[in-house]
Amino acid sequence: EIRAILPDKNSPLTPDNMRNLPYLRACIK
């Protein structure tokens, strides 16, 4: 899931690409 928004390790995180991370938020809960 993270690779889909960060194709490269140094790709930036942005408010837009962080919107759709359901599995990450499920892992946190």
mmCIF file of all heavy atoms, coordinates in Angstrom:
data_MODEL
# 
_entry.id   MODEL 
# 
loop_
_atom_site.group_PDB 
_atom_site.id 
_atom_site.type_symbol 
_atom_site.label_atom_id 
_atom_site.label_alt_id 
_atom_site.label_comp_id 
_atom_site.label_asym_id 
_atom_site.label_entity_id 
_atom_site.label_seq_id 
_atom_site.pdbx_PDB_ins_code 
_atom_site.Cartn_x 
_atom_site.Cartn_y 
_atom_site.Cartn_z 
_atom_site.occupancy 
_atom_site.B_iso_or_equiv 
_atom_site.pdbx_formal_charge 
_atom_site.auth_seq_id 
_atom_site.auth_comp_id 
_atom_site.auth_asym_id 
_atom_site.auth_atom_id 
_atom_site.pdbx_PDB_model_num 
ATOM 1   N N   . GLU A 1 1  ? 0.835   -1.204 0.000  1.00 0.00 ? 1  GLU A N   1 
ATOM 2   C CA  . GLU A 1 1  ? 0.000   0.000  0.000  1.00 0.00 ? 1  GLU A CA  1 
ATOM 3   C C   . GLU A 1 1  ? 0.870   1.256  0.000  1.00 0.00 ? 1  GLU A C   1 
ATOM 4   O O   . GLU A 1 1  ? 0.588   2.229  -0.711 1.00 0.00 ? 1  GLU A O   1 
ATOM 5   C CB  . GLU A 1 1  ? -0.924  0.001  1.222  1.00 0.00 ? 1  GLU A CB  1 
ATOM 6   C CG  . GLU A 1 1  ? -1.836  1.233  1.269  1.00 0.00 ? 1  GLU A CG  1 
ATOM 7   C CD  . GLU A 1 1  ? -2.806  1.204  2.441  1.00 0.00 ? 1  GLU A CD  1 
ATOM 8   O OE1 . GLU A 1 1  ? -2.413  1.601  3.567  1.00 0.00 ? 1  GLU A OE1 1 
ATOM 9   O OE2 . GLU A 1 1  ? -3.969  0.787  2.239  1.00 0.00 ? 1  GLU A OE2 1 
ATOM 10  N N   . ILE A 1 2  ? 1.947   1.233  0.775  1.00 0.00 ? 2  ILE A N   1 
ATOM 11  C CA  . ILE A 1 2  ? 2.828   2.403  0.861  1.00 0.00 ? 2  ILE A CA  1 
ATOM 12  C C   . ILE A 1 2  ? 3.576   2.615  -0.453 1.00 0.00 ? 2  ILE A C   1 
ATOM 13  O O   . ILE A 1 2  ? 3.771   3.756  -0.895 1.00 0.00 ? 2  ILE A O   1 
ATOM 14  C CB  . ILE A 1 2  ? 3.822   2.257  2.034  1.00 0.00 ? 2  ILE A CB  1 
ATOM 15  C CG1 . ILE A 1 2  ? 3.083   2.092  3.364  1.00 0.00 ? 2  ILE A CG1 1 
ATOM 16  C CG2 . ILE A 1 2  ? 4.760   3.460  2.091  1.00 0.00 ? 2  ILE A CG2 1 
ATOM 17  C CD1 . ILE A 1 2  ? 2.145   3.215  3.704  1.00 0.00 ? 2  ILE A CD1 1 
ATOM 18  N N   . ARG A 1 3  ? 3.987   1.530  -1.094 1.00 0.00 ? 3  ARG A N   1 
ATOM 19  C CA  . ARG A 1 3  ? 4.696   1.649  -2.384 1.00 0.00 ? 3  ARG A CA  1 
ATOM 20  C C   . ARG A 1 3  ? 3.840   2.369  -3.427 1.00 0.00 ? 3  ARG A C   1 
ATOM 21  O O   . ARG A 1 3  ? 4.359   3.057  -4.301 1.00 0.00 ? 3  ARG A O   1 
ATOM 22  C CB  . ARG A 1 3  ? 5.070   0.270  -2.920 1.00 0.00 ? 3  ARG A CB  1 
ATOM 23  C CG  . ARG A 1 3  ? 6.284   -0.367 -2.257 1.00 0.00 ? 3  ARG A CG  1 
ATOM 24  C CD  . ARG A 1 3  ? 6.508   -1.757 -2.844 1.00 0.00 ? 3  ARG A CD  1 
ATOM 25  N NE  . ARG A 1 3  ? 7.535   -2.491 -2.134 1.00 0.00 ? 3  ARG A NE  1 
ATOM 26  C CZ  . ARG A 1 3  ? 8.824   -2.434 -2.401 1.00 0.00 ? 3  ARG A CZ  1 
ATOM 27  N NH1 . ARG A 1 3  ? 9.251   -1.647 -3.386 1.00 0.00 ? 3  ARG A NH1 1 
ATOM 28  N NH2 . ARG A 1 3  ? 9.707   -3.151 -1.719 1.00 0.00 ? 3  ARG A NH2 1 
ATOM 29  N N   . ALA A 1 4  ? 2.544   2.200  -3.323 1.00 0.00 ? 4  ALA A N   1 
ATOM 30  C CA  . ALA A 1 4  ? 1.651   2.832  -4.305 1.00 0.00 ? 4  ALA A CA  1 
ATOM 31  C C   . ALA A 1 4  ? 1.714   4.352  -4.236 1.00 0.00 ? 4  ALA A C   1 
ATOM 32  O O   . ALA A 1 4  ? 1.520   5.034  -5.249 1.00 0.00 ? 4  ALA A O   1 
ATOM 33  C CB  . ALA A 1 4  ? 0.217   2.350  -4.083 1.00 0.00 ? 4  ALA A CB  1 
ATOM 34  N N   . ILE A 1 5  ? 1.996   4.893  -3.039 1.00 0.00 ? 5  ILE A N   1 
ATOM 35  C CA  . ILE A 1 5  ? 2.085   6.355  -2.930 1.00 0.00 ? 5  ILE A CA  1 
ATOM 36  C C   . ILE A 1 5  ? 3.532   6.837  -2.865 1.00 0.00 ? 5  ILE A C   1 
ATOM 37  O O   . ILE A 1 5  ? 3.809   8.015  -3.088 1.00 0.00 ? 5  ILE A O   1 
ATOM 38  C CB  . ILE A 1 5  ? 1.305   6.877  -1.704 1.00 0.00 ? 5  ILE A CB  1 
ATOM 39  C CG1 . ILE A 1 5  ? 1.954   6.415  -0.393 1.00 0.00 ? 5  ILE A CG1 1 
ATOM 40  C CG2 . ILE A 1 5  ? -0.153  6.477  -1.763 1.00 0.00 ? 5  ILE A CG2 1 
ATOM 41  C CD1 . ILE A 1 5  ? 1.487   7.195  0.814  1.00 0.00 ? 5  ILE A CD1 1 
ATOM 42  N N   . LEU A 1 6  ? 4.447   5.917  -2.553 1.00 0.00 ? 6  LEU A N   1 
ATOM 43  C CA  . LEU A 1 6  ? 5.870   6.250  -2.520 1.00 0.00 ? 6  LEU A CA  1 
ATOM 44  C C   . LEU A 1 6  ? 6.629   5.294  -3.437 1.00 0.00 ? 6  LEU A C   1 
ATOM 45  O O   . LEU A 1 6  ? 7.273   4.348  -2.977 1.00 0.00 ? 6  LEU A O   1 
ATOM 46  C CB  . LEU A 1 6  ? 6.421   6.149  -1.085 1.00 0.00 ? 6  LEU A CB  1 
ATOM 47  C CG  . LEU A 1 6  ? 5.832   7.073  -0.018 1.00 0.00 ? 6  LEU A CG  1 
ATOM 48  C CD1 . LEU A 1 6  ? 6.440   6.777  1.347  1.00 0.00 ? 6  LEU A CD1 1 
ATOM 49  C CD2 . LEU A 1 6  ? 6.044   8.535  -0.391 1.00 0.00 ? 6  LEU A CD2 1 
ATOM 50  N N   . PRO A 1 7  ? 6.538   5.494  -4.754 1.00 0.00 ? 7  PRO A N   1 
ATOM 51  C CA  . PRO A 1 7  ? 7.223   4.575  -5.677 1.00 0.00 ? 7  PRO A CA  1 
ATOM 52  C C   . PRO A 1 7  ? 8.733   4.532  -5.436 1.00 0.00 ? 7  PRO A C   1 
ATOM 53  O O   . PRO A 1 7  ? 9.373   3.508  -5.667 1.00 0.00 ? 7  PRO A O   1 
ATOM 54  C CB  . PRO A 1 7  ? 6.899   5.153  -7.055 1.00 0.00 ? 7  PRO A CB  1 
ATOM 55  C CG  . PRO A 1 7  ? 6.440   6.557  -6.807 1.00 0.00 ? 7  PRO A CG  1 
ATOM 56  C CD  . PRO A 1 7  ? 5.816   6.552  -5.460 1.00 0.00 ? 7  PRO A CD  1 
ATOM 57  N N   . ASP A 1 8  ? 9.279   5.630  -4.948 1.00 0.00 ? 8  ASP A N   1 
ATOM 58  C CA  . ASP A 1 8  ? 10.685  5.678  -4.575 1.00 0.00 ? 8  ASP A CA  1 
ATOM 59  C C   . ASP A 1 8  ? 10.764  5.948  -3.075 1.00 0.00 ? 8  ASP A C   1 
ATOM 60  O O   . ASP A 1 8  ? 9.897   6.615  -2.509 1.00 0.00 ? 8  ASP A O   1 
ATOM 61  C CB  . ASP A 1 8  ? 11.398  6.796  -5.356 1.00 0.00 ? 8  ASP A CB  1 
ATOM 62  C CG  . ASP A 1 8  ? 12.881  6.857  -5.032 1.00 0.00 ? 8  ASP A CG  1 
ATOM 63  O OD1 . ASP A 1 8  ? 13.631  6.036  -5.599 1.00 0.00 ? 8  ASP A OD1 1 
ATOM 64  O OD2 . ASP A 1 8  ? 13.274  7.704  -4.215 1.00 0.00 ? 8  ASP A OD2 1 
ATOM 65  N N   . LYS A 1 9  ? 11.813  5.431  -2.431 1.00 0.00 ? 9  LYS A N   1 
ATOM 66  C CA  . LYS A 1 9  ? 11.940  5.625  -0.984 1.00 0.00 ? 9  LYS A CA  1 
ATOM 67  C C   . LYS A 1 9  ? 11.947  7.092  -0.591 1.00 0.00 ? 9  LYS A C   1 
ATOM 68  O O   . LYS A 1 9  ? 11.516  7.452  0.505  1.00 0.00 ? 9  LYS A O   1 
ATOM 69  C CB  . LYS A 1 9  ? 13.221  4.956  -0.482 1.00 0.00 ? 9  LYS A CB  1 
ATOM 70  C CG  . LYS A 1 9  ? 13.189  3.433  -0.523 1.00 0.00 ? 9  LYS A CG  1 
ATOM 71  C CD  . LYS A 1 9  ? 14.509  2.861  -0.025 1.00 0.00 ? 9  LYS A CD  1 
ATOM 72  C CE  . LYS A 1 9  ? 14.503  1.340  -0.100 1.00 0.00 ? 9  LYS A CE  1 
ATOM 73  N NZ  . LYS A 1 9  ? 15.783  0.753  0.350  1.00 0.00 ? 9  LYS A NZ  1 
ATOM 74  N N   . ASN A 1 10 ? 12.461  7.921  -1.467 1.00 0.00 ? 10 ASN A N   1 
ATOM 75  C CA  . ASN A 1 10 ? 12.567  9.348  -1.163 1.00 0.00 ? 10 ASN A CA  1 
ATOM 76  C C   . ASN A 1 10 ? 11.427  10.183 -1.729 1.00 0.00 ? 10 ASN A C   1 
ATOM 77  O O   . ASN A 1 10 ? 11.470  11.410 -1.682 1.00 0.00 ? 10 ASN A O   1 
ATOM 78  C CB  . ASN A 1 10 ? 13.901  9.892  -1.677 1.00 0.00 ? 10 ASN A CB  1 
ATOM 79  C CG  . ASN A 1 10 ? 15.086  9.242  -0.989 1.00 0.00 ? 10 ASN A CG  1 
ATOM 80  O OD1 . ASN A 1 10 ? 15.066  9.062  0.225  1.00 0.00 ? 10 ASN A OD1 1 
ATOM 81  N ND2 . ASN A 1 10 ? 16.100  8.867  -1.755 1.00 0.00 ? 10 ASN A ND2 1 
ATOM 82  N N   . SER A 1 11 ? 10.415  9.522  -2.287 1.00 0.00 ? 11 SER A N   1 
ATOM 83  C CA  . SER A 1 11 ? 9.246   10.257 -2.773 1.00 0.00 ? 11 SER A CA  1 
ATOM 84  C C   . SER A 1 11 ? 8.606   11.010 -1.612 1.00 0.00 ? 11 SER A C   1 
ATOM 85  O O   . SER A 1 11 ? 8.598   10.524 -0.474 1.00 0.00 ? 11 SER A O   1 
ATOM 86  C CB  . SER A 1 11 ? 8.222   9.300  -3.385 1.00 0.00 ? 11 SER A CB  1 
ATOM 87  O OG  . SER A 1 11 ? 8.765   8.603  -4.475 1.00 0.00 ? 11 SER A OG  1 
ATOM 88  N N   . PRO A 1 12 ? 8.076   12.198 -1.863 1.00 0.00 ? 12 PRO A N   1 
ATOM 89  C CA  . PRO A 1 12 ? 7.510   12.987 -0.759 1.00 0.00 ? 12 PRO A CA  1 
ATOM 90  C C   . PRO A 1 12 ? 6.143   12.484 -0.313 1.00 0.00 ? 12 PRO A C   1 
ATOM 91  O O   . PRO A 1 12 ? 5.350   12.000 -1.130 1.00 0.00 ? 12 PRO A O   1 
ATOM 92  C CB  . PRO A 1 12 ? 7.402   14.390 -1.364 1.00 0.00 ? 12 PRO A CB  1 
ATOM 93  C CG  . PRO A 1 12 ? 7.227   14.142 -2.834 1.00 0.00 ? 12 PRO A CG  1 
ATOM 94  C CD  . PRO A 1 12 ? 8.039   12.923 -3.152 1.00 0.00 ? 12 PRO A CD  1 
ATOM 95  N N   . LEU A 1 13 ? 5.885   12.595 0.963  1.00 0.00 ? 13 LEU A N   1 
ATOM 96  C CA  . LEU A 1 13 ? 4.537   12.403 1.485  1.00 0.00 ? 13 LEU A CA  1 
ATOM 97  C C   . LEU A 1 13 ? 3.812   13.742 1.416  1.00 0.00 ? 13 LEU A C   1 
ATOM 98  O O   . LEU A 1 13 ? 4.383   14.780 1.762  1.00 0.00 ? 13 LEU A O   1 
ATOM 99  C CB  . LEU A 1 13 ? 4.579   11.913 2.934  1.00 0.00 ? 13 LEU A CB  1 
ATOM 100 C CG  . LEU A 1 13 ? 4.899   10.440 3.157  1.00 0.00 ? 13 LEU A CG  1 
ATOM 101 C CD1 . LEU A 1 13 ? 5.148   10.160 4.640  1.00 0.00 ? 13 LEU A CD1 1 
ATOM 102 C CD2 . LEU A 1 13 ? 3.788   9.545  2.633  1.00 0.00 ? 13 LEU A CD2 1 
ATOM 103 N N   . THR A 1 14 ? 2.576   13.722 0.967  1.00 0.00 ? 14 THR A N   1 
ATOM 104 C CA  . THR A 1 14 ? 1.790   14.940 0.832  1.00 0.00 ? 14 THR A CA  1 
ATOM 105 C C   . THR A 1 14 ? 0.392   14.693 1.396  1.00 0.00 ? 14 THR A C   1 
ATOM 106 O O   . THR A 1 14 ? -0.040  13.536 1.525  1.00 0.00 ? 14 THR A O   1 
ATOM 107 C CB  . THR A 1 14 ? 1.659   15.363 -0.641 1.00 0.00 ? 14 THR A CB  1 
ATOM 108 O OG1 . THR A 1 14 ? 0.858   14.385 -1.334 1.00 0.00 ? 14 THR A OG1 1 
ATOM 109 C CG2 . THR A 1 14 ? 3.028   15.474 -1.309 1.00 0.00 ? 14 THR A CG2 1 
ATOM 110 N N   . PRO A 1 15 ? -0.338  15.763 1.708  1.00 0.00 ? 15 PRO A N   1 
ATOM 111 C CA  . PRO A 1 15 ? -1.723  15.572 2.158  1.00 0.00 ? 15 PRO A CA  1 
ATOM 112 C C   . PRO A 1 15 ? -2.554  14.803 1.133  1.00 0.00 ? 15 PRO A C   1 
ATOM 113 O O   . PRO A 1 15 ? -3.424  14.001 1.514  1.00 0.00 ? 15 PRO A O   1 
ATOM 114 C CB  . PRO A 1 15 ? -2.234  17.008 2.321  1.00 0.00 ? 15 PRO A CB  1 
ATOM 115 C CG  . PRO A 1 15 ? -1.017  17.809 2.625  1.00 0.00 ? 15 PRO A CG  1 
ATOM 116 C CD  . PRO A 1 15 ? 0.075   17.184 1.807  1.00 0.00 ? 15 PRO A CD  1 
ATOM 117 N N   . ASP A 1 16 ? -2.275  15.001 -0.151 1.00 0.00 ? 16 ASP A N   1 
ATOM 118 C CA  . ASP A 1 16 ? -3.055  14.320 -1.185 1.00 0.00 ? 16 ASP A CA  1 
ATOM 119 C C   . ASP A 1 16 ? -2.762  12.829 -1.235 1.00 0.00 ? 16 ASP A C   1 
ATOM 120 O O   . ASP A 1 16 ? -3.685  12.004 -1.261 1.00 0.00 ? 16 ASP A O   1 
ATOM 121 C CB  . ASP A 1 16 ? -2.774  14.948 -2.560 1.00 0.00 ? 16 ASP A CB  1 
ATOM 122 C CG  . ASP A 1 16 ? -3.449  16.301 -2.711 1.00 0.00 ? 16 ASP A CG  1 
ATOM 123 O OD1 . ASP A 1 16 ? -4.439  16.545 -1.992 1.00 0.00 ? 16 ASP A OD1 1 
ATOM 124 O OD2 . ASP A 1 16 ? -2.981  17.105 -3.538 1.00 0.00 ? 16 ASP A OD2 1 
ATOM 125 N N   . ASN A 1 17 ? -1.464  12.451 -1.269 1.00 0.00 ? 17 ASN A N   1 
ATOM 126 C CA  . ASN A 1 17 ? -1.198  11.016 -1.415 1.00 0.00 ? 17 ASN A CA  1 
ATOM 127 C C   . ASN A 1 17 ? -1.408  10.239 -0.111 1.00 0.00 ? 17 ASN A C   1 
ATOM 128 O O   . ASN A 1 17 ? -1.416  9.002  -0.114 1.00 0.00 ? 17 ASN A O   1 
ATOM 129 C CB  . ASN A 1 17 ? 0.198   10.757 -2.006 1.00 0.00 ? 17 ASN A CB  1 
ATOM 130 C CG  . ASN A 1 17 ? 1.349   11.168 -1.095 1.00 0.00 ? 17 ASN A CG  1 
ATOM 131 O OD1 . ASN A 1 17 ? 1.191   11.368 0.108  1.00 0.00 ? 17 ASN A OD1 1 
ATOM 132 N ND2 . ASN A 1 17 ? 2.528   11.303 -1.692 1.00 0.00 ? 17 ASN A ND2 1 
ATOM 133 N N   . MET A 1 18 ? -1.607  10.944 0.992  1.00 0.00 ? 18 MET A N   1 
ATOM 134 C CA  . MET A 1 18 ? -1.889  10.257 2.255  1.00 0.00 ? 18 MET A CA  1 
ATOM 135 C C   . MET A 1 18 ? -3.380  10.053 2.500  1.00 0.00 ? 18 MET A C   1 
ATOM 136 O O   . MET A 1 18 ? -3.766  9.438  3.503  1.00 0.00 ? 18 MET A O   1 
ATOM 137 C CB  . MET A 1 18 ? -1.287  11.036 3.434  1.00 0.00 ? 18 MET A CB  1 
ATOM 138 C CG  . MET A 1 18 ? 0.231   11.007 3.496  1.00 0.00 ? 18 MET A CG  1 
ATOM 139 S SD  . MET A 1 18 ? 0.860   11.836 4.978  1.00 0.00 ? 18 MET A SD  1 
ATOM 140 C CE  . MET A 1 18 ? 0.298   10.724 6.270  1.00 0.00 ? 18 MET A CE  1 
ATOM 141 N N   . ARG A 1 19 ? -4.208  10.553 1.605  1.00 0.00 ? 19 ARG A N   1 
ATOM 142 C CA  . ARG A 1 19 ? -5.653  10.457 1.833  1.00 0.00 ? 19 ARG A CA  1 
ATOM 143 C C   . ARG A 1 19 ? -6.159  9.018  1.821  1.00 0.00 ? 19 ARG A C   1 
ATOM 144 O O   . ARG A 1 19 ? -7.046  8.649  2.585  1.00 0.00 ? 19 ARG A O   1 
ATOM 145 C CB  . ARG A 1 19 ? -6.412  11.260 0.768  1.00 0.00 ? 19 ARG A CB  1 
ATOM 146 C CG  . ARG A 1 19 ? -6.266  12.761 0.899  1.00 0.00 ? 19 ARG A CG  1 
ATOM 147 C CD  . ARG A 1 19 ? -7.132  13.485 -0.127 1.00 0.00 ? 19 ARG A CD  1 
ATOM 148 N NE  . ARG A 1 19 ? -6.728  14.860 -0.306 1.00 0.00 ? 19 ARG A NE  1 
ATOM 149 C CZ  . ARG A 1 19 ? -7.017  15.849 0.529  1.00 0.00 ? 19 ARG A CZ  1 
ATOM 150 N NH1 . ARG A 1 19 ? -7.724  15.607 1.613  1.00 0.00 ? 19 ARG A NH1 1 
ATOM 151 N NH2 . ARG A 1 19 ? -6.594  17.086 0.290  1.00 0.00 ? 19 ARG A NH2 1 
ATOM 152 N N   . ASN A 1 20 ? -5.613  8.222  0.931  1.00 0.00 ? 20 ASN A N   1 
ATOM 153 C CA  . ASN A 1 20 ? -6.154  6.872  0.739  1.00 0.00 ? 20 ASN A CA  1 
ATOM 154 C C   . ASN A 1 20 ? -5.161  5.820  1.244  1.00 0.00 ? 20 ASN A C   1 
ATOM 155 O O   . ASN A 1 20 ? -4.447  5.190  0.464  1.00 0.00 ? 20 ASN A O   1 
ATOM 156 C CB  . ASN A 1 20 ? -6.469  6.644  -0.747 1.00 0.00 ? 20 ASN A CB  1 
ATOM 157 C CG  . ASN A 1 20 ? -7.201  5.336  -0.976 1.00 0.00 ? 20 ASN A CG  1 
ATOM 158 O OD1 . ASN A 1 20 ? -7.950  4.869  -0.113 1.00 0.00 ? 20 ASN A OD1 1 
ATOM 159 N ND2 . ASN A 1 20 ? -6.979  4.735  -2.142 1.00 0.00 ? 20 ASN A ND2 1 
ATOM 160 N N   . LEU A 1 21 ? -5.120  5.655  2.555  1.00 0.00 ? 21 LEU A N   1 
ATOM 161 C CA  . LEU A 1 21 ? -4.244  4.656  3.169  1.00 0.00 ? 21 LEU A CA  1 
ATOM 162 C C   . LEU A 1 21 ? -5.042  3.833  4.189  1.00 0.00 ? 21 LEU A C   1 
ATOM 163 O O   . LEU A 1 21 ? -4.750  3.834  5.385  1.00 0.00 ? 21 LEU A O   1 
ATOM 164 C CB  . LEU A 1 21 ? -3.053  5.334  3.846  1.00 0.00 ? 21 LEU A CB  1 
ATOM 165 C CG  . LEU A 1 21 ? -2.039  6.035  2.935  1.00 0.00 ? 21 LEU A CG  1 
ATOM 166 C CD1 . LEU A 1 21 ? -1.048  6.838  3.766  1.00 0.00 ? 21 LEU A CD1 1 
ATOM 167 C CD2 . LEU A 1 21 ? -1.299  5.016  2.052  1.00 0.00 ? 21 LEU A CD2 1 
ATOM 168 N N   . PRO A 1 22 ? -6.073  3.129  3.717  1.00 0.00 ? 22 PRO A N   1 
ATOM 169 C CA  . PRO A 1 22 ? -6.949  2.431  4.671  1.00 0.00 ? 22 PRO A CA  1 
ATOM 170 C C   . PRO A 1 22 ? -6.240  1.340  5.461  1.00 0.00 ? 22 PRO A C   1 
ATOM 171 O O   . PRO A 1 22 ? -6.530  1.151  6.648  1.00 0.00 ? 22 PRO A O   1 
ATOM 172 C CB  . PRO A 1 22 ? -8.047  1.846  3.772  1.00 0.00 ? 22 PRO A CB  1 
ATOM 173 C CG  . PRO A 1 22 ? -7.429  1.772  2.397  1.00 0.00 ? 22 PRO A CG  1 
ATOM 174 C CD  . PRO A 1 22 ? -6.515  2.948  2.324  1.00 0.00 ? 22 PRO A CD  1 
ATOM 175 N N   . TYR A 1 23 ? -5.300  0.632  4.825  1.00 0.00 ? 23 TYR A N   1 
ATOM 176 C CA  . TYR A 1 23 ? -4.657  -0.469 5.551  1.00 0.00 ? 23 TYR A CA  1 
ATOM 177 C C   . TYR A 1 23 ? -3.698  0.066  6.614  1.00 0.00 ? 23 TYR A C   1 
ATOM 178 O O   . TYR A 1 23 ? -3.574  -0.514 7.694  1.00 0.00 ? 23 TYR A O   1 
ATOM 179 C CB  . TYR A 1 23 ? -3.921  -1.398 4.584  1.00 0.00 ? 23 TYR A CB  1 
ATOM 180 C CG  . TYR A 1 23 ? -3.625  -2.748 5.200  1.00 0.00 ? 23 TYR A CG  1 
ATOM 181 C CD1 . TYR A 1 23 ? -4.659  -3.649 5.467  1.00 0.00 ? 23 TYR A CD1 1 
ATOM 182 C CD2 . TYR A 1 23 ? -2.331  -3.121 5.537  1.00 0.00 ? 23 TYR A CD2 1 
ATOM 183 C CE1 . TYR A 1 23 ? -4.416  -4.871 6.060  1.00 0.00 ? 23 TYR A CE1 1 
ATOM 184 C CE2 . TYR A 1 23 ? -2.067  -4.354 6.121  1.00 0.00 ? 23 TYR A CE2 1 
ATOM 185 C CZ  . TYR A 1 23 ? -3.113  -5.220 6.378  1.00 0.00 ? 23 TYR A CZ  1 
ATOM 186 O OH  . TYR A 1 23 ? -2.860  -6.435 6.971  1.00 0.00 ? 23 TYR A OH  1 
ATOM 187 N N   . LEU A 1 24 ? -3.029  1.170  6.319  1.00 0.00 ? 24 LEU A N   1 
ATOM 188 C CA  . LEU A 1 24 ? -2.158  1.782  7.313  1.00 0.00 ? 24 LEU A CA  1 
ATOM 189 C C   . LEU A 1 24 ? -2.963  2.188  8.547  1.00 0.00 ? 24 LEU A C   1 
ATOM 190 O O   . LEU A 1 24 ? -2.563  1.920  9.684  1.00 0.00 ? 24 LEU A O   1 
ATOM 191 C CB  . LEU A 1 24 ? -1.456  3.005  6.709  1.00 0.00 ? 24 LEU A CB  1 
ATOM 192 C CG  . LEU A 1 24 ? -0.631  3.868  7.668  1.00 0.00 ? 24 LEU A CG  1 
ATOM 193 C CD1 . LEU A 1 24 ? 0.483   3.054  8.319  1.00 0.00 ? 24 LEU A CD1 1 
ATOM 194 C CD2 . LEU A 1 24 ? -0.053  5.081  6.945  1.00 0.00 ? 24 LEU A CD2 1 
ATOM 195 N N   . ARG A 1 25 ? -4.089  2.822  8.333  1.00 0.00 ? 25 ARG A N   1 
ATOM 196 C CA  . ARG A 1 25 ? -4.911  3.263  9.465  1.00 0.00 ? 25 ARG A CA  1 
ATOM 197 C C   . ARG A 1 25 ? -5.506  2.057  10.214 1.00 0.00 ? 25 ARG A C   1 
ATOM 198 O O   . ARG A 1 25 ? -5.667  2.107  11.435 1.00 0.00 ? 25 ARG A O   1 
ATOM 199 C CB  . ARG A 1 25 ? -6.002  4.207  8.973  1.00 0.00 ? 25 ARG A CB  1 
ATOM 200 C CG  . ARG A 1 25 ? -5.389  5.503  8.432  1.00 0.00 ? 25 ARG A CG  1 
ATOM 201 C CD  . ARG A 1 25 ? -6.348  6.559  7.983  1.00 0.00 ? 25 ARG A CD  1 
ATOM 202 N NE  . ARG A 1 25 ? -5.592  7.720  7.515  1.00 0.00 ? 25 ARG A NE  1 
ATOM 203 C CZ  . ARG A 1 25 ? -5.438  8.058  6.242  1.00 0.00 ? 25 ARG A CZ  1 
ATOM 204 N NH1 . ARG A 1 25 ? -6.022  7.349  5.290  1.00 0.00 ? 25 ARG A NH1 1 
ATOM 205 N NH2 . ARG A 1 25 ? -4.714  9.115  5.904  1.00 0.00 ? 25 ARG A NH2 1 
ATOM 206 N N   . ALA A 1 26 ? -5.799  0.998  9.481  1.00 0.00 ? 26 ALA A N   1 
ATOM 207 C CA  . ALA A 1 26 ? -6.286  -0.216 10.135 1.00 0.00 ? 26 ALA A CA  1 
ATOM 208 C C   . ALA A 1 26 ? -5.192  -0.840 10.997 1.00 0.00 ? 26 ALA A C   1 
ATOM 209 O O   . ALA A 1 26 ? -5.460  -1.347 12.097 1.00 0.00 ? 26 ALA A O   1 
ATOM 210 C CB  . ALA A 1 26 ? -6.775  -1.212 9.091  1.00 0.00 ? 26 ALA A CB  1 
ATOM 211 N N   . CYS A 1 27 ? -3.957  -0.805 10.513 1.00 0.00 ? 27 CYS A N   1 
ATOM 212 C CA  . CYS A 1 27 ? -2.822  -1.330 11.288 1.00 0.00 ? 27 CYS A CA  1 
ATOM 213 C C   . CYS A 1 27 ? -2.637  -0.538 12.577 1.00 0.00 ? 27 CYS A C   1 
ATOM 214 O O   . CYS A 1 27 ? -2.327  -1.104 13.631 1.00 0.00 ? 27 CYS A O   1 
ATOM 215 C CB  . CYS A 1 27 ? -1.532  -1.289 10.465 1.00 0.00 ? 27 CYS A CB  1 
ATOM 216 S SG  . CYS A 1 27 ? -1.438  -2.528 9.151  1.00 0.00 ? 27 CYS A SG  1 
ATOM 217 N N   . ILE A 1 28 ? -2.815  0.764  12.501 1.00 0.00 ? 28 ILE A N   1 
ATOM 218 C CA  . ILE A 1 28 ? -2.668  1.609  13.689 1.00 0.00 ? 28 ILE A CA  1 
ATOM 219 C C   . ILE A 1 28 ? -3.735  1.264  14.726 1.00 0.00 ? 28 ILE A C   1 
ATOM 220 O O   . ILE A 1 28 ? -3.440  1.071  15.910 1.00 0.00 ? 28 ILE A O   1 
ATOM 221 C CB  . ILE A 1 28 ? -2.732  3.102  13.302 1.00 0.00 ? 28 ILE A CB  1 
ATOM 222 C CG1 . ILE A 1 28 ? -1.483  3.483  12.498 1.00 0.00 ? 28 ILE A CG1 1 
ATOM 223 C CG2 . ILE A 1 28 ? -2.859  3.982  14.545 1.00 0.00 ? 28 ILE A CG2 1 
ATOM 224 C CD1 . ILE A 1 28 ? -1.514  4.885  11.923 1.00 0.00 ? 28 ILE A CD1 1 
ATOM 225 N N   . LYS A 1 29 ? -4.984  1.149  14.291 1.00 0.00 ? 29 LYS A N   1 
ATOM 226 C CA  . LYS A 1 29 ? -6.057  0.802  15.225 1.00 0.00 ? 29 LYS A CA  1 
ATOM 227 C C   . LYS A 1 29 ? -5.830  -0.563 15.861 1.00 0.00 ? 29 LYS A C   1 
ATOM 228 O O   . LYS A 1 29 ? -5.993  -0.745 17.075 1.00 0.00 ? 29 LYS A O   1 
ATOM 229 C CB  . LYS A 1 29 ? -7.408  0.819  14.503 1.00 0.00 ? 29 LYS A CB  1 
ATOM 230 C CG  . LYS A 1 29 ? -7.895  2.199  14.119 1.00 0.00 ? 29 LYS A CG  1 
ATOM 231 C CD  . LYS A 1 29 ? -9.227  2.113  13.391 1.00 0.00 ? 29 LYS A CD  1 
ATOM 232 C CE  . LYS A 1 29 ? -9.722  3.498  12.976 1.00 0.00 ? 29 LYS A CE  1 
ATOM 233 N NZ  . LYS A 1 29 ? -10.997 3.412  12.235 1.00 0.00 ? 29 LYS A NZ  1 
# 
